[in-house]
Amino acid sequence: MIDVIVVGAGPGGSHAAYKLANYGFSTLLLEKEELPRYKPCGGA
């Protein structure tokens, strides 16, 4: 059984899922885009 579902694997969602998993929660991280995904600020 999954305790927490995090929707969005951006910086905030990834960090939240990571911390919750470290606290012992069964965590599912969902992202609609294929990873690695387009980052509008990543190629300046």
PDB file of N, CA and C in Angstrom:
ATOM      1  N   MET A   1       0.835  -1.174   0.000  1.00  0.00           N
ATOM      2  CA  MET A   1       0.000   0.000   0.000  1.00  0.00           C
ATOM      3  C   MET A   1       0.884   1.244   0.000  1.00  0.00           C
ATOM      4  N   ILE A   2       0.518   2.221  -0.789  1.00  0.00           N
ATOM      5  CA  ILE A   2       1.288   3.456  -0.901  1.00  0.00           C
ATOM      6  C   ILE A   2       0.734   4.469   0.093  1.00  0.00           C
ATOM      7  N   ASP A   3       1.626   5.081   0.870  1.00  0.00           N
ATOM      8  CA  ASP A   3       1.216   6.079   1.854  1.00  0.00           C
ATOM      9  C   ASP A   3       1.028   7.459   1.227  1.00  0.00           C
ATOM     10  N   VAL A   4       1.933   7.824   0.303  1.00  0.00           N
ATOM     11  CA  VAL A   4       1.934   9.177  -0.259  1.00  0.00           C
ATOM     12  C   VAL A   4       2.131   9.097  -1.764  1.00  0.00           C
ATOM     13  N   ILE A   5       1.342   9.878  -2.508  1.00  0.00           N
ATOM     14  CA  ILE A   5       1.541  10.035  -3.949  1.00  0.00           C
ATOM     15  C   ILE A   5       1.926  11.484  -4.192  1.00  0.00           C
ATOM     16  N   VAL A   6       3.094  11.702  -4.790  1.00  0.00           N
ATOM     17  CA  VAL A   6       3.568  13.042  -5.123  1.00  0.00           C
ATOM     18  C   VAL A   6       3.407  13.209  -6.626  1.00  0.00           C
ATOM     19  N   VAL A   7       2.676  14.243  -7.033  1.00  0.00           N
ATOM     20  CA  VAL A   7       2.425  14.500  -8.449  1.00  0.00           C
ATOM     21  C   VAL A   7       3.333  15.635  -8.894  1.00  0.00           C
ATOM     22  N   GLY A   8       4.248  15.326  -9.813  1.00  0.00           N
ATOM     23  CA  GLY A   8       5.191  16.316 -10.327  1.00  0.00           C
ATOM     24  C   GLY A   8       6.588  16.039  -9.807  1.00  0.00           C
ATOM     25  N   ALA A   9       7.498  15.721 -10.730  1.00  0.00           N
ATOM     26  CA  ALA A   9       8.861  15.359 -10.351  1.00  0.00           C
ATOM     27  C   ALA A   9       9.836  16.507 -10.560  1.00  0.00           C
ATOM     28  N   GLY A  10       9.354  17.724 -10.389  1.00  0.00           N
ATOM     29  CA  GLY A  10      10.239  18.886 -10.423  1.00  0.00           C
ATOM     30  C   GLY A  10      11.063  18.938  -9.147  1.00  0.00           C
ATOM     31  N   PRO A  11      11.764  20.033  -8.925  1.00  0.00           N
ATOM     32  CA  PRO A  11      12.608  20.132  -7.728  1.00  0.00           C
ATOM     33  C   PRO A  11      11.835  19.937  -6.422  1.00  0.00           C
ATOM     34  N   GLY A  12      10.675  20.565  -6.307  1.00  0.00           N
ATOM     35  CA  GLY A  12       9.897  20.448  -5.070  1.00  0.00           C
ATOM     36  C   GLY A  12       9.321  19.065  -4.858  1.00  0.00           C
ATOM     37  N   GLY A  13       8.732  18.500  -5.914  1.00  0.00           N
ATOM     38  CA  GLY A  13       8.146  17.171  -5.806  1.00  0.00           C
ATOM     39  C   GLY A  13       9.186  16.096  -5.559  1.00  0.00           C
ATOM     40  N   SER A  14      10.314  16.205  -6.239  1.00  0.00           N
ATOM     41  CA  SER A  14      11.390  15.229  -6.051  1.00  0.00           C
ATOM     42  C   SER A  14      11.925  15.278  -4.629  1.00  0.00           C
ATOM     43  N   HIS A  15      12.112  16.486  -4.127  1.00  0.00           N
ATOM     44  CA  HIS A  15      12.626  16.635  -2.765  1.00  0.00           C
ATOM     45  C   HIS A  15      11.620  16.108  -1.743  1.00  0.00           C
ATOM     46  N   ALA A  16      10.346  16.436  -1.943  1.00  0.00           N
ATOM     47  CA  ALA A  16       9.313  15.952  -1.025  1.00  0.00           C
ATOM     48  C   ALA A  16       9.262  14.429  -1.016  1.00  0.00           C
ATOM     49  N   ALA A  17       9.286  13.810  -2.196  1.00  0.00           N
ATOM     50  CA  ALA A  17       9.248  12.349  -2.281  1.00  0.00           C
ATOM     51  C   ALA A  17      10.476  11.731  -1.614  1.00  0.00           C
ATOM     52  N   TYR A  18      11.628  12.330  -1.832  1.00  0.00           N
ATOM     53  CA  TYR A  18      12.875  11.843  -1.234  1.00  0.00           C
ATOM     54  C   TYR A  18      12.809  11.894   0.296  1.00  0.00           C
ATOM     55  N   LYS A  19      12.386  13.047   0.827  1.00  0.00           N
ATOM     56  CA  LYS A  19      12.328  13.199   2.279  1.00  0.00           C
ATOM     57  C   LYS A  19      11.290  12.259   2.900  1.00  0.00           C
ATOM     58  N   LEU A  20      10.116  12.159   2.271  1.00  0.00           N
ATOM     59  CA  LEU A  20       9.078  11.272   2.795  1.00  0.00           C
ATOM     60  C   LEU A  20       9.536   9.819   2.789  1.00  0.00           C
ATOM     61  N   ALA A  21      10.224   9.409   1.727  1.00  0.00           N
ATOM     62  CA  ALA A  21      10.749   8.041   1.668  1.00  0.00           C
ATOM     63  C   ALA A  21      11.777   7.815   2.770  1.00  0.00           C
ATOM     64  N   ASN A  22      12.610   8.819   3.032  1.00  0.00           N
ATOM     65  CA  ASN A  22      13.598   8.698   4.108  1.00  0.00           C
ATOM     66  C   ASN A  22      12.945   8.610   5.479  1.00  0.00           C
ATOM     67  N   TYR A  23      11.775   9.205   5.640  1.00  0.00           N
ATOM     68  CA  TYR A  23      11.030   9.118   6.897  1.00  0.00           C
ATOM     69  C   TYR A  23      10.267   7.806   7.020  1.00  0.00           C
ATOM     70  N   GLY A  24      10.335   6.961   5.997  1.00  0.00           N
ATOM     71  CA  GLY A  24       9.726   5.644   6.082  1.00  0.00           C
ATOM     72  C   GLY A  24       8.377   5.492   5.401  1.00  0.00           C
ATOM     73  N   PHE A  25       7.918   6.538   4.714  1.00  0.00           N
ATOM     74  CA  PHE A  25       6.651   6.450   3.996  1.00  0.00           C
ATOM     75  C   PHE A  25       6.849   5.726   2.669  1.00  0.00           C
ATOM     76  N   SER A  26       5.895   4.897   2.302  1.00  0.00           N
ATOM     77  CA  SER A  26       5.882   4.292   0.974  1.00  0.00           C
ATOM     78  C   SER A  26       5.422   5.380   0.011  1.00  0.00           C
ATOM     79  N   THR A  27       6.288   5.763  -0.938  1.00  0.00           N
ATOM     80  CA  THR A  27       6.071   6.960  -1.748  1.00  0.00           C
ATOM     81  C   THR A  27       6.067   6.625  -3.231  1.00  0.00           C
ATOM     82  N   LEU A  28       5.103   7.199  -3.954  1.00  0.00           N
ATOM     83  CA  LEU A  28       5.022   7.065  -5.408  1.00  0.00           C
ATOM     84  C   LEU A  28       5.168   8.454  -6.004  1.00  0.00           C
ATOM     85  N   LEU A  29       6.136   8.637  -6.894  1.00  0.00           N
ATOM     86  CA  LEU A  29       6.392   9.918  -7.555  1.00  0.00           C
ATOM     87  C   LEU A  29       5.941   9.808  -9.000  1.00  0.00           C
ATOM     88  N   LEU A  30       5.000  10.674  -9.408  1.00  0.00           N
ATOM     89  CA  LEU A  30       4.449  10.651 -10.762  1.00  0.00           C
ATOM     90  C   LEU A  30       4.876  11.893 -11.528  1.00  0.00           C
ATOM     91  N   GLU A  31       5.209  11.718 -12.810  1.00  0.00           N
ATOM     92  CA  GLU A  31       5.568  12.824 -13.693  1.00  0.00           C
ATOM     93  C   GLU A  31       4.966  12.553 -15.058  1.00  0.00           C
ATOM     94  N   LYS A  32       4.304  13.551 -15.645  1.00  0.00           N
ATOM     95  CA  LYS A  32       3.655  13.349 -16.942  1.00  0.00           C
ATOM     96  C   LYS A  32       4.641  13.382 -18.104  1.00  0.00           C
ATOM     97  N   GLU A  33       5.749  14.084 -17.955  1.00  0.00           N
ATOM     98  CA  GLU A  33       6.741  14.191 -19.026  1.00  0.00           C
ATOM     99  C   GLU A  33       7.724  13.028 -18.946  1.00  0.00           C
ATOM    100  N   GLU A  34       8.325  12.720 -20.079  1.00  0.00           N
ATOM    101  CA  GLU A  34       9.384  11.718 -20.109  1.00  0.00           C
ATOM    102  C   GLU A  34      10.651  12.358 -19.557  1.00  0.00           C
ATOM    103  N   LEU A  35      11.370  11.628 -18.726  1.00  0.00           N
ATOM    104  CA  LEU A  35      12.605  12.157 -18.149  1.00  0.00           C
ATOM    105  C   LEU A  35      13.802  11.691 -18.957  1.00  0.00           C
ATOM    106  N   PRO A  36      14.830  12.496 -19.191  1.00  0.00           N
ATOM    107  CA  PRO A  36      14.905  13.900 -18.792  1.00  0.00           C
ATOM    108  C   PRO A  36      13.978  14.747 -19.650  1.00  0.00           C
ATOM    109  N   ARG A  37      13.360  15.730 -19.026  1.00  0.00           N
ATOM    110  CA  ARG A  37      12.373  16.546 -19.721  1.00  0.00           C
ATOM    111  C   ARG A  37      12.946  17.913 -20.098  1.00  0.00           C
ATOM    112  N   TYR A  38      12.216  18.628 -20.937  1.00  0.00           N
ATOM    113  CA  TYR A  38      12.612  19.962 -21.360  1.00  0.00           C
ATOM    114  C   TYR A  38      12.617  20.911 -20.166  1.00  0.00           C
ATOM    115  N   LYS A  39      13.694  21.677 -20.015  1.00  0.00           N
ATOM    116  CA  LYS A  39      13.793  22.673 -18.951  1.00  0.00           C
ATOM    117  C   LYS A  39      13.980  24.043 -19.598  1.00  0.00           C
ATOM    118  N   PRO A  40      12.993  24.929 -19.514  1.00  0.00           N
ATOM    119  CA  PRO A  40      13.105  26.224 -20.171  1.00  0.00           C
ATOM    120  C   PRO A  40      14.253  27.079 -19.642  1.00  0.00           C
ATOM    121  N   CYS A  41      14.710  26.832 -18.425  1.00  0.00           N
ATOM    122  CA  CYS A  41      15.790  27.647 -17.868  1.00  0.00           C
ATOM    123  C   CYS A  41      17.123  26.905 -17.877  1.00  0.00           C
ATOM    124  N   GLY A  42      17.186  25.732 -18.499  1.00  0.00           N
ATOM    125  CA  GLY A  42      18.376  24.899 -18.388  1.00  0.00           C
ATOM    126  C   GLY A  42      19.471  25.134 -19.408  1.00  0.00           C
ATOM    127  N   GLY A  43      19.259  25.929 -20.437  1.00  0.00           N
ATOM    128  CA  GLY A  43      20.291  26.058 -21.463  1.00  0.00           C
ATOM    129  C   GLY A  43      20.754  27.477 -21.700  1.00  0.00           C
ATOM    130  N   ALA A  44      20.772  28.279 -20.645  1.00  0.00           N
ATOM    131  CA  ALA A  44      21.112  29.695 -20.812  1.00  0.00           C
ATOM    132  C   ALA A  44      22.498  29.892 -21.218  1.00  0.00           C
TER     133      ALA A  44
END
